[in-house]
Amino acid sequence: MLKFPTLGAAFAVAALAAAPAHAQVKIRLGAETQVLDHVNTPSTTTWLTDQWRPSVVGMLGFYVLPVLSIDAELAEAFRVNPPAGQSSRIGTTFRLGATFEPPLLPFYVRAAIPLHLEPGDFFASMRAAIGTVFGPPVAKLYLELAADFPLGGGGHSFFDQQTFSLGAGLQLNL
């Protein structure tokens, strides 16, 4: 006996077949710096003017829908003016996330899970960001404000630190 697929299965197959035709890739190269870093215990706050902590960032994103991309970002952070006896290198972080770019609005929102890889202990965080892109369709400038909160690992407990960063760079849409 011949069985017909359900309507849901037909839509799933159609969506999977159509996805590669609408997919785009974005490549992002830029820099960011921590503007504010607050540690709860003991209560300390470090501002941009106290200690400059820039990062070089690179991201590769794949659009799964015209308004939604899955992103992988790599960042290398360091201190420009480290305290005596400390290394200038903060370390490497890998961020896996998603970006939602609502149509007709001049901003995007991004969520990611940053994983601090090295040096020091491994720990995971969560990142929420809002940003904007402007310029010609293929090569755009981006500006992003991000907030990071630890989830755990490496001596961190849930939300024991809050870090706010500002980033900018070039985004290529291919």
Foldseek 3Di string as FASTA:
>chain_A
DDDDDDPVVVVVVVLVVCQVVPKWKKKWWWKKWWQWKFFVVVTDIDGCVRWTKMKTKIKMWMDSDPFKIWMKMKIWIFIPDDDPPDGRTPAIKIWTWMKGHDPPDFKIKIKIWIWGDDDAKIFIKIKIKMKGWDDDPFKTKIKMKMKIATPDTRPDHGRRMIIIMIMMGIMGMD
